[in-house]
N, C-alpha and C. Protein backbone atom coordinates (compact mmCIF):
# COMPACT_ATOMS: atom_id res chain seq x y z
N MET A 1 0.64 24.98 16.69
CA MET A 1 1.05 25.37 15.35
C MET A 1 -0.19 25.40 14.45
N ASP A 2 -0.47 26.55 13.88
CA ASP A 2 -1.61 26.73 12.99
C ASP A 2 -1.16 26.49 11.55
N ILE A 3 -1.58 25.37 11.00
CA ILE A 3 -1.10 24.97 9.67
C ILE A 3 -1.57 25.95 8.59
N GLN A 4 -2.78 26.48 8.72
CA GLN A 4 -3.25 27.43 7.72
C GLN A 4 -2.41 28.70 7.71
N SER A 5 -1.96 29.09 8.88
CA SER A 5 -1.08 30.26 8.98
C SER A 5 0.24 29.99 8.27
N ILE A 6 0.75 28.80 8.43
CA ILE A 6 2.00 28.42 7.75
C ILE A 6 1.79 28.43 6.24
N TYR A 7 0.68 27.85 5.78
CA TYR A 7 0.38 27.84 4.35
C TYR A 7 0.30 29.27 3.81
N GLN A 8 -0.38 30.15 4.54
CA GLN A 8 -0.52 31.54 4.11
C GLN A 8 0.84 32.22 4.03
N LYS A 9 1.71 31.94 4.99
CA LYS A 9 3.05 32.54 4.98
C LYS A 9 3.85 32.09 3.75
N THR A 10 3.70 30.83 3.37
CA THR A 10 4.44 30.35 2.20
C THR A 10 3.95 31.02 0.93
N ILE A 11 2.65 31.24 0.83
CA ILE A 11 2.10 31.93 -0.34
C ILE A 11 2.58 33.38 -0.37
N SER A 12 2.56 34.01 0.79
CA SER A 12 3.02 35.40 0.87
C SER A 12 4.50 35.52 0.52
N GLN A 13 5.28 34.56 0.98
CA GLN A 13 6.73 34.60 0.77
C GLN A 13 7.11 34.28 -0.67
N TRP A 14 6.55 33.20 -1.22
CA TRP A 14 7.02 32.71 -2.51
C TRP A 14 5.99 32.80 -3.64
N GLY A 15 4.72 32.91 -3.32
CA GLY A 15 3.69 32.99 -4.34
C GLY A 15 3.16 31.62 -4.76
N LYS A 16 2.00 31.63 -5.38
CA LYS A 16 1.34 30.38 -5.78
C LYS A 16 2.13 29.62 -6.83
N GLU A 17 2.63 30.32 -7.83
CA GLU A 17 3.35 29.64 -8.92
C GLU A 17 4.55 28.86 -8.38
N ALA A 18 5.26 29.45 -7.44
CA ALA A 18 6.42 28.76 -6.86
C ALA A 18 5.98 27.52 -6.10
N GLN A 19 4.81 27.57 -5.48
CA GLN A 19 4.33 26.41 -4.74
C GLN A 19 3.90 25.30 -5.70
N TYR A 20 3.35 25.66 -6.84
CA TYR A 20 3.03 24.65 -7.85
C TYR A 20 4.32 23.96 -8.31
N ASP A 21 5.34 24.76 -8.58
CA ASP A 21 6.63 24.20 -9.00
C ASP A 21 7.24 23.33 -7.91
N GLN A 22 7.09 23.76 -6.66
CA GLN A 22 7.63 22.99 -5.53
C GLN A 22 6.96 21.63 -5.44
N MET A 23 5.65 21.59 -5.69
CA MET A 23 4.94 20.31 -5.66
C MET A 23 5.47 19.38 -6.74
N VAL A 24 5.68 19.91 -7.93
CA VAL A 24 6.23 19.10 -9.01
C VAL A 24 7.59 18.53 -8.60
N GLU A 25 8.42 19.37 -8.01
CA GLU A 25 9.75 18.94 -7.58
C GLU A 25 9.66 17.86 -6.51
N GLU A 26 8.78 18.05 -5.54
CA GLU A 26 8.64 17.06 -4.47
C GLU A 26 8.12 15.73 -5.01
N CYS A 27 7.19 15.78 -5.96
CA CYS A 27 6.70 14.54 -6.57
C CYS A 27 7.81 13.83 -7.32
N ALA A 28 8.63 14.58 -8.02
CA ALA A 28 9.75 13.99 -8.75
C ALA A 28 10.73 13.33 -7.78
N GLU A 29 10.98 13.97 -6.66
CA GLU A 29 11.88 13.40 -5.66
C GLU A 29 11.30 12.11 -5.07
N LEU A 30 9.99 12.08 -4.87
CA LEU A 30 9.36 10.86 -4.37
C LEU A 30 9.45 9.75 -5.41
N ILE A 31 9.22 10.08 -6.66
CA ILE A 31 9.34 9.08 -7.73
C ILE A 31 10.75 8.49 -7.74
N THR A 32 11.74 9.35 -7.66
CA THR A 32 13.13 8.89 -7.65
C THR A 32 13.41 8.02 -6.44
N ALA A 33 12.93 8.44 -5.28
CA ALA A 33 13.15 7.66 -4.06
C ALA A 33 12.51 6.28 -4.17
N LEU A 34 11.31 6.22 -4.72
CA LEU A 34 10.64 4.92 -4.87
C LEU A 34 11.39 4.01 -5.84
N LYS A 35 11.86 4.59 -6.94
CA LYS A 35 12.63 3.79 -7.90
C LYS A 35 13.89 3.24 -7.24
N HIS A 36 14.58 4.10 -6.49
CA HIS A 36 15.81 3.67 -5.81
C HIS A 36 15.51 2.65 -4.71
N PHE A 37 14.40 2.82 -4.02
CA PHE A 37 14.02 1.87 -2.97
C PHE A 37 13.78 0.49 -3.56
N ARG A 38 13.07 0.44 -4.68
CA ARG A 38 12.80 -0.85 -5.33
C ARG A 38 14.08 -1.54 -5.76
N ARG A 39 15.10 -0.76 -6.07
CA ARG A 39 16.39 -1.32 -6.50
C ARG A 39 17.35 -1.56 -5.33
N GLY A 40 16.91 -1.24 -4.13
CA GLY A 40 17.75 -1.45 -2.95
C GLY A 40 18.84 -0.40 -2.77
N LYS A 41 18.71 0.74 -3.44
CA LYS A 41 19.73 1.79 -3.35
C LYS A 41 19.52 2.72 -2.16
N VAL A 42 18.30 2.81 -1.66
CA VAL A 42 18.00 3.64 -0.49
C VAL A 42 17.12 2.85 0.46
N ASN A 43 17.09 3.30 1.70
CA ASN A 43 16.25 2.61 2.67
C ASN A 43 14.86 3.24 2.75
N GLN A 44 14.02 2.63 3.54
CA GLN A 44 12.63 3.06 3.68
C GLN A 44 12.53 4.49 4.20
N GLN A 45 13.45 4.91 5.04
CA GLN A 45 13.38 6.26 5.60
C GLN A 45 13.46 7.34 4.53
N VAL A 46 14.21 7.09 3.49
CA VAL A 46 14.30 8.06 2.38
C VAL A 46 12.93 8.24 1.74
N VAL A 47 12.23 7.14 1.52
CA VAL A 47 10.89 7.20 0.94
C VAL A 47 9.94 7.92 1.89
N ILE A 48 10.03 7.61 3.17
CA ILE A 48 9.17 8.26 4.17
C ILE A 48 9.40 9.77 4.18
N ASP A 49 10.65 10.19 4.13
CA ASP A 49 10.95 11.62 4.12
C ASP A 49 10.36 12.30 2.89
N GLU A 50 10.46 11.65 1.74
CA GLU A 50 9.90 12.23 0.53
C GLU A 50 8.37 12.23 0.57
N LEU A 51 7.79 11.18 1.16
CA LEU A 51 6.34 11.16 1.35
C LEU A 51 5.90 12.32 2.25
N ALA A 52 6.69 12.61 3.27
CA ALA A 52 6.37 13.73 4.16
C ALA A 52 6.37 15.05 3.39
N ASP A 53 7.37 15.23 2.53
CA ASP A 53 7.43 16.46 1.73
C ASP A 53 6.21 16.58 0.81
N VAL A 54 5.85 15.49 0.15
CA VAL A 54 4.70 15.50 -0.75
C VAL A 54 3.41 15.73 0.04
N THR A 55 3.32 15.11 1.21
CA THR A 55 2.14 15.28 2.05
C THR A 55 1.96 16.74 2.46
N LEU A 56 3.06 17.39 2.82
CA LEU A 56 2.98 18.81 3.17
C LEU A 56 2.51 19.64 1.98
N MET A 57 3.04 19.36 0.82
CA MET A 57 2.65 20.11 -0.37
C MET A 57 1.20 19.80 -0.77
N LEU A 58 0.78 18.55 -0.60
CA LEU A 58 -0.62 18.20 -0.88
C LEU A 58 -1.55 18.99 0.02
N GLY A 59 -1.18 19.08 1.29
CA GLY A 59 -1.98 19.86 2.23
C GLY A 59 -2.08 21.31 1.81
N GLN A 60 -0.96 21.85 1.38
CA GLN A 60 -0.94 23.24 0.96
C GLN A 60 -1.79 23.45 -0.30
N LEU A 61 -1.65 22.58 -1.28
CA LEU A 61 -2.44 22.71 -2.50
C LEU A 61 -3.92 22.48 -2.22
N ARG A 62 -4.23 21.56 -1.32
CA ARG A 62 -5.62 21.32 -0.92
C ARG A 62 -6.20 22.60 -0.34
N TRP A 63 -5.43 23.27 0.49
CA TRP A 63 -5.84 24.54 1.08
C TRP A 63 -6.00 25.61 0.00
N MET A 64 -5.06 25.66 -0.93
CA MET A 64 -5.09 26.68 -1.98
C MET A 64 -6.29 26.51 -2.92
N PHE A 65 -6.59 25.26 -3.27
CA PHE A 65 -7.66 25.00 -4.23
C PHE A 65 -9.03 24.83 -3.58
N GLY A 66 -9.05 24.67 -2.28
CA GLY A 66 -10.30 24.51 -1.55
C GLY A 66 -10.47 23.09 -1.05
N ALA A 67 -10.43 22.95 0.27
CA ALA A 67 -10.50 21.62 0.89
C ALA A 67 -11.79 20.89 0.53
N ALA A 68 -12.91 21.60 0.54
CA ALA A 68 -14.19 20.96 0.25
C ALA A 68 -14.22 20.40 -1.17
N GLU A 69 -13.70 21.15 -2.11
CA GLU A 69 -13.69 20.70 -3.50
C GLU A 69 -12.79 19.48 -3.68
N VAL A 70 -11.63 19.53 -3.04
CA VAL A 70 -10.69 18.41 -3.14
C VAL A 70 -11.29 17.18 -2.46
N ASP A 71 -11.87 17.36 -1.27
CA ASP A 71 -12.47 16.23 -0.56
C ASP A 71 -13.60 15.60 -1.37
N SER A 72 -14.39 16.43 -2.04
CA SER A 72 -15.47 15.93 -2.88
C SER A 72 -14.91 15.10 -4.04
N ALA A 73 -13.86 15.58 -4.67
CA ALA A 73 -13.23 14.85 -5.77
C ALA A 73 -12.65 13.52 -5.28
N VAL A 74 -12.06 13.53 -4.09
CA VAL A 74 -11.50 12.30 -3.51
C VAL A 74 -12.61 11.29 -3.27
N GLN A 75 -13.74 11.74 -2.73
CA GLN A 75 -14.86 10.82 -2.49
C GLN A 75 -15.36 10.20 -3.79
N LYS A 76 -15.44 10.99 -4.84
CA LYS A 76 -15.86 10.46 -6.14
C LYS A 76 -14.87 9.41 -6.64
N LYS A 77 -13.59 9.68 -6.48
CA LYS A 77 -12.56 8.73 -6.92
C LYS A 77 -12.62 7.45 -6.10
N LEU A 78 -12.86 7.58 -4.79
CA LEU A 78 -12.97 6.40 -3.93
C LEU A 78 -14.17 5.55 -4.33
N LEU A 79 -15.28 6.19 -4.63
CA LEU A 79 -16.47 5.47 -5.07
C LEU A 79 -16.18 4.71 -6.36
N LYS A 80 -15.53 5.37 -7.30
CA LYS A 80 -15.18 4.73 -8.57
C LYS A 80 -14.23 3.55 -8.34
N LEU A 81 -13.24 3.72 -7.47
CA LEU A 81 -12.31 2.64 -7.17
C LEU A 81 -13.03 1.47 -6.51
N ASN A 82 -13.93 1.77 -5.59
CA ASN A 82 -14.69 0.71 -4.93
C ASN A 82 -15.53 -0.06 -5.94
N GLN A 83 -16.16 0.66 -6.87
CA GLN A 83 -16.96 -0.01 -7.90
C GLN A 83 -16.09 -0.91 -8.76
N LEU A 84 -14.90 -0.45 -9.09
CA LEU A 84 -13.97 -1.26 -9.86
C LEU A 84 -13.61 -2.53 -9.09
N MET A 85 -13.30 -2.38 -7.81
CA MET A 85 -12.90 -3.54 -7.00
C MET A 85 -14.05 -4.53 -6.86
N GLU A 86 -15.25 -4.02 -6.69
CA GLU A 86 -16.42 -4.90 -6.59
C GLU A 86 -16.64 -5.64 -7.91
N GLY A 87 -16.44 -4.95 -9.03
CA GLY A 87 -16.57 -5.58 -10.33
C GLY A 87 -15.53 -6.68 -10.53
N LEU A 88 -14.31 -6.42 -10.09
CA LEU A 88 -13.25 -7.43 -10.20
C LEU A 88 -13.55 -8.63 -9.30
N LYS A 89 -14.06 -8.36 -8.12
CA LYS A 89 -14.42 -9.43 -7.18
C LYS A 89 -15.52 -10.30 -7.79
N GLN A 90 -16.52 -9.65 -8.36
CA GLN A 90 -17.63 -10.37 -8.99
C GLN A 90 -17.12 -11.21 -10.16
N HIS A 91 -16.25 -10.63 -10.98
CA HIS A 91 -15.70 -11.35 -12.12
C HIS A 91 -14.90 -12.57 -11.66
N LYS A 92 -14.12 -12.41 -10.61
CA LYS A 92 -13.31 -13.52 -10.09
C LYS A 92 -14.21 -14.63 -9.58
N GLN A 93 -15.28 -14.26 -8.88
CA GLN A 93 -16.21 -15.27 -8.37
C GLN A 93 -16.88 -16.02 -9.52
N GLU A 94 -17.28 -15.28 -10.54
CA GLU A 94 -17.92 -15.92 -11.70
C GLU A 94 -16.95 -16.84 -12.42
N THR A 95 -15.70 -16.42 -12.53
CA THR A 95 -14.69 -17.23 -13.19
C THR A 95 -14.41 -18.50 -12.39
N ASN A 96 -14.31 -18.37 -11.07
CA ASN A 96 -14.04 -19.53 -10.21
C ASN A 96 -15.22 -20.50 -10.19
N ASN A 97 -16.42 -19.98 -10.28
CA ASN A 97 -17.60 -20.85 -10.30
C ASN A 97 -17.75 -21.59 -11.62
N GLY A 98 -17.12 -21.07 -12.65
CA GLY A 98 -17.19 -21.69 -13.97
C GLY A 98 -16.24 -22.85 -14.14
N ASP A 99 -15.33 -23.05 -13.17
CA ASP A 99 -14.35 -24.14 -13.28
C ASP A 99 -14.96 -25.48 -13.07
């Protein structure tokens, strides 16, 4: 199964705007599933299914916007997150040493 071919078929069939709207819808469904899961209204499989839908749409949007550009942005975000975590770790160590 060629995933890029599938992505191209979806664009040809429904167009880019529809795929943007579909992503919004899938994200909303995941949000709802997570809220319901936290309240015990649905099981883990419901969340997994919604995650699968969002993952498929993320892949499609990544392809549409350019994988290299998205991957570069992800790396920058990971670096920033790592710096934040290191800063928090350092702060915690300094706080614990001050006791």
